[in-house]
């Protein structure tokens, strides 16, 4: 293996970990700004619930049900956005 390829793989690994975490924290911060009465911890929990549901569903049901669940989660997140 070349050194350039190893560096490329390390960068891809780093980006795959940092990217979703950054988006998660941005949504949490946006919820806190949008709904001023909630603490950062409350916003974190509100943002964590749909993600945990999706992870549990992903491990336990068939792929067609997973697609339906993603649709439900998107509708839930859209509702959260419209409420604020």
N, C-alpha and C. Protein backbone atom coordinates (compact mmCIF):
# COMPACT_ATOMS: atom_id res chain seq x y z
N UNK A 1 0.84 -1.19 0.00
CA UNK A 1 0.00 0.00 0.00
C UNK A 1 0.88 1.25 0.00
N UNK A 2 0.43 2.22 -0.75
CA UNK A 2 1.19 3.46 -0.78
C UNK A 2 0.78 4.35 0.40
N UNK A 3 1.65 5.24 0.76
CA UNK A 3 1.39 6.17 1.87
C UNK A 3 0.23 7.10 1.54
N UNK A 4 0.13 7.50 0.29
CA UNK A 4 -0.97 8.39 -0.11
C UNK A 4 -2.31 7.70 0.08
N UNK A 5 -2.39 6.40 -0.24
CA UNK A 5 -3.63 5.65 -0.08
C UNK A 5 -3.99 5.52 1.41
N UNK A 6 -3.01 5.28 2.25
CA UNK A 6 -3.25 5.17 3.68
C UNK A 6 -3.75 6.50 4.24
N UNK A 7 -3.17 7.60 3.80
CA UNK A 7 -3.63 8.93 4.23
C UNK A 7 -5.05 9.17 3.75
N UNK A 8 -5.34 8.78 2.52
CA UNK A 8 -6.69 8.93 1.98
C UNK A 8 -7.70 8.14 2.82
N UNK A 9 -7.38 6.90 3.15
CA UNK A 9 -8.27 6.08 3.96
C UNK A 9 -8.47 6.67 5.35
N UNK A 10 -7.42 7.21 5.94
CA UNK A 10 -7.53 7.84 7.26
C UNK A 10 -8.43 9.07 7.19
N UNK A 11 -8.30 9.85 6.13
CA UNK A 11 -9.15 11.03 5.97
C UNK A 11 -10.61 10.63 5.77
N UNK A 12 -10.86 9.58 5.00
CA UNK A 12 -12.22 9.10 4.80
C UNK A 12 -12.82 8.60 6.12
N UNK A 13 -12.04 7.89 6.89
CA UNK A 13 -12.49 7.39 8.19
C UNK A 13 -12.83 8.54 9.12
N UNK A 14 -11.96 9.52 9.18
CA UNK A 14 -12.18 10.70 10.03
C UNK A 14 -13.44 11.44 9.61
N UNK A 15 -13.62 11.65 8.32
CA UNK A 15 -14.79 12.37 7.82
C UNK A 15 -16.08 11.60 8.08
N UNK A 16 -16.03 10.28 7.99
CA UNK A 16 -17.24 9.49 8.23
C UNK A 16 -17.67 9.51 9.69
N UNK A 17 -16.75 9.78 10.59
CA UNK A 17 -17.10 9.89 12.01
C UNK A 17 -17.53 11.31 12.35
N UNK A 18 -16.80 12.30 11.88
CA UNK A 18 -17.07 13.69 12.23
C UNK A 18 -18.33 14.23 11.54
N UNK A 19 -18.59 13.84 10.31
CA UNK A 19 -19.72 14.38 9.55
C UNK A 19 -21.07 14.21 10.22
N UNK A 20 -21.49 12.98 10.52
CA UNK A 20 -22.80 12.80 11.17
C UNK A 20 -22.88 13.44 12.55
N UNK A 21 -21.80 13.41 13.30
CA UNK A 21 -21.80 14.04 14.62
C UNK A 21 -21.98 15.55 14.53
N UNK A 22 -21.37 16.15 13.53
CA UNK A 22 -21.51 17.59 13.33
C UNK A 22 -22.95 17.95 12.98
N UNK A 23 -23.56 17.18 12.12
CA UNK A 23 -24.95 17.44 11.74
C UNK A 23 -25.86 17.27 12.95
N UNK A 24 -25.62 16.23 13.76
CA UNK A 24 -26.41 16.01 14.96
C UNK A 24 -26.32 17.21 15.90
N UNK A 25 -25.12 17.72 16.11
CA UNK A 25 -24.95 18.86 17.01
C UNK A 25 -25.54 20.14 16.42
N UNK A 26 -25.49 20.30 15.10
CA UNK A 26 -26.09 21.48 14.46
C UNK A 26 -27.60 21.47 14.65
N UNK A 27 -28.23 20.31 14.50
CA UNK A 27 -29.68 20.22 14.69
C UNK A 27 -30.03 20.49 16.15
N UNK A 28 -29.23 19.97 17.07
CA UNK A 28 -29.47 20.22 18.49
C UNK A 28 -29.37 21.71 18.80
N UNK A 29 -28.35 22.36 18.29
CA UNK A 29 -28.20 23.80 18.50
C UNK A 29 -29.32 24.60 17.86
N UNK A 30 -29.75 24.17 16.69
CA UNK A 30 -30.85 24.88 16.01
C UNK A 30 -32.15 24.75 16.80
N UNK A 31 -32.39 23.58 17.39
CA UNK A 31 -33.58 23.42 18.23
C UNK A 31 -33.52 24.34 19.44
N UNK A 32 -32.34 24.47 20.03
CA UNK A 32 -32.21 25.34 21.20
C UNK A 32 -32.46 26.80 20.83
N UNK A 33 -31.98 27.21 19.67
CA UNK A 33 -32.20 28.59 19.23
C UNK A 33 -33.67 28.80 18.89
N UNK A 34 -34.30 27.81 18.27
CA UNK A 34 -35.69 27.95 17.84
C UNK A 34 -36.67 27.90 19.01
N UNK A 35 -36.39 27.05 19.97
CA UNK A 35 -37.28 26.90 21.13
C UNK A 35 -36.49 27.33 22.37
N UNK A 36 -36.55 28.59 22.70
CA UNK A 36 -35.71 29.17 23.75
C UNK A 36 -36.00 28.60 25.14
N UNK A 37 -37.19 28.06 25.35
CA UNK A 37 -37.54 27.56 26.68
C UNK A 37 -36.88 26.22 27.00
N UNK A 38 -36.29 25.56 26.00
CA UNK A 38 -35.65 24.27 26.22
C UNK A 38 -34.16 24.44 26.49
N UNK A 39 -33.64 23.62 27.40
CA UNK A 39 -32.21 23.64 27.65
C UNK A 39 -31.49 22.84 26.56
N UNK A 40 -30.19 22.96 26.54
CA UNK A 40 -29.41 22.21 25.54
C UNK A 40 -29.57 20.70 25.75
N UNK A 41 -29.66 20.28 27.00
CA UNK A 41 -29.86 18.85 27.28
C UNK A 41 -31.20 18.36 26.75
N UNK A 42 -32.25 19.17 26.93
CA UNK A 42 -33.57 18.79 26.41
C UNK A 42 -33.53 18.67 24.89
N UNK A 43 -32.88 19.61 24.23
CA UNK A 43 -32.78 19.58 22.77
C UNK A 43 -31.99 18.36 22.31
N UNK A 44 -30.95 18.02 23.06
CA UNK A 44 -30.15 16.84 22.73
C UNK A 44 -31.00 15.58 22.80
N UNK A 45 -31.81 15.46 23.84
CA UNK A 45 -32.68 14.29 23.99
C UNK A 45 -33.74 14.26 22.89
N UNK A 46 -34.33 15.42 22.58
CA UNK A 46 -35.33 15.48 21.52
C UNK A 46 -34.73 15.04 20.19
N UNK A 47 -33.50 15.44 19.94
CA UNK A 47 -32.82 15.06 18.69
C UNK A 47 -32.38 13.61 18.72
N UNK A 48 -32.09 13.08 19.89
CA UNK A 48 -31.59 11.71 20.00
C UNK A 48 -32.69 10.67 19.82
N UNK A 49 -33.91 10.98 20.24
CA UNK A 49 -35.00 10.00 20.20
C UNK A 49 -35.25 9.45 18.79
N UNK A 50 -35.46 10.29 17.76
CA UNK A 50 -35.69 9.71 16.42
C UNK A 50 -34.50 8.90 15.91
N UNK A 51 -33.29 9.32 16.26
CA UNK A 51 -32.11 8.58 15.82
C UNK A 51 -32.03 7.21 16.48
N UNK A 52 -32.32 7.14 17.76
CA UNK A 52 -32.32 5.85 18.45
C UNK A 52 -33.40 4.93 17.92
N UNK A 53 -34.58 5.50 17.66
CA UNK A 53 -35.66 4.69 17.08
C UNK A 53 -35.22 4.10 15.75
N UNK A 54 -34.57 4.91 14.92
CA UNK A 54 -34.13 4.43 13.61
C UNK A 54 -33.08 3.33 13.75
N UNK A 55 -32.14 3.49 14.68
CA UNK A 55 -31.11 2.46 14.87
C UNK A 55 -31.75 1.15 15.33
N UNK A 56 -32.68 1.23 16.28
CA UNK A 56 -33.35 0.03 16.77
C UNK A 56 -34.13 -0.64 15.65
N UNK A 57 -34.86 0.15 14.88
CA UNK A 57 -35.65 -0.40 13.76
C UNK A 57 -34.72 -1.01 12.72
N UNK A 58 -33.60 -0.36 12.44
CA UNK A 58 -32.67 -0.86 11.42
C UNK A 58 -32.12 -2.23 11.77
N UNK A 59 -31.90 -2.47 13.05
CA UNK A 59 -31.36 -3.77 13.45
C UNK A 59 -32.41 -4.86 13.58
N UNK A 60 -33.68 -4.48 13.67
CA UNK A 60 -34.69 -5.48 14.02
C UNK A 60 -35.76 -5.76 12.98
N UNK A 61 -35.86 -5.00 11.91
CA UNK A 61 -36.95 -5.22 10.95
C UNK A 61 -36.40 -5.33 9.53
N UNK A 62 -37.29 -5.76 8.60
CA UNK A 62 -36.87 -5.89 7.21
C UNK A 62 -36.72 -4.52 6.55
N UNK A 63 -36.08 -4.51 5.41
CA UNK A 63 -35.73 -3.25 4.76
C UNK A 63 -36.96 -2.45 4.32
N UNK A 64 -38.04 -3.11 3.93
CA UNK A 64 -39.23 -2.36 3.51
C UNK A 64 -39.83 -1.59 4.69
N UNK A 65 -39.79 -2.18 5.87
CA UNK A 65 -40.28 -1.48 7.06
C UNK A 65 -39.34 -0.34 7.44
N UNK A 66 -38.05 -0.52 7.21
CA UNK A 66 -37.08 0.54 7.50
C UNK A 66 -37.38 1.79 6.67
N UNK A 67 -37.74 1.59 5.40
CA UNK A 67 -38.06 2.73 4.53
C UNK A 67 -39.29 3.46 5.06
N UNK A 68 -40.30 2.72 5.50
CA UNK A 68 -41.49 3.35 6.08
C UNK A 68 -41.14 4.12 7.35
N UNK A 69 -40.25 3.57 8.15
CA UNK A 69 -39.85 4.23 9.40
C UNK A 69 -39.07 5.51 9.12
N UNK A 70 -38.23 5.49 8.10
CA UNK A 70 -37.51 6.72 7.72
C UNK A 70 -38.50 7.81 7.35
N UNK A 71 -39.55 7.45 6.62
CA UNK A 71 -40.58 8.42 6.25
C UNK A 71 -41.24 9.00 7.50
N UNK A 72 -41.54 8.15 8.49
CA UNK A 72 -42.14 8.64 9.73
C UNK A 72 -41.20 9.58 10.48
N UNK A 73 -39.92 9.25 10.52
CA UNK A 73 -38.95 10.09 11.22
C UNK A 73 -38.81 11.44 10.52
N UNK A 74 -38.79 11.43 9.20
CA UNK A 74 -38.71 12.69 8.45
C UNK A 74 -39.93 13.55 8.75
N UNK A 75 -41.10 12.94 8.80
CA UNK A 75 -42.31 13.70 9.12
C UNK A 75 -42.25 14.25 10.54
N UNK A 76 -41.70 13.48 11.48
CA UNK A 76 -41.55 13.95 12.86
C UNK A 76 -40.60 15.14 12.92
N UNK A 77 -39.47 15.06 12.23
CA UNK A 77 -38.52 16.17 12.23
C UNK A 77 -39.12 17.40 11.55
N UNK A 78 -39.90 17.20 10.51
CA UNK A 78 -40.56 18.32 9.84
C UNK A 78 -41.57 18.97 10.78
N UNK A 79 -42.30 18.15 11.55
CA UNK A 79 -43.25 18.68 12.52
C UNK A 79 -42.53 19.50 13.58
N UNK A 80 -41.36 19.01 14.06
CA UNK A 80 -40.58 19.76 15.05
C UNK A 80 -40.18 21.11 14.49
N UNK A 81 -39.81 21.15 13.23
CA UNK A 81 -39.39 22.40 12.61
C UNK A 81 -40.57 23.36 12.47
N UNK A 82 -41.74 22.84 12.10
CA UNK A 82 -42.91 23.71 11.92
C UNK A 82 -43.44 24.22 13.25
N UNK A 83 -43.30 23.45 14.33
CA UNK A 83 -43.78 23.88 15.64
C UNK A 83 -43.00 25.08 16.12
N UNK A 84 -41.72 25.08 15.88
CA UNK A 84 -40.90 26.20 16.34
C UNK A 84 -41.08 27.35 15.39
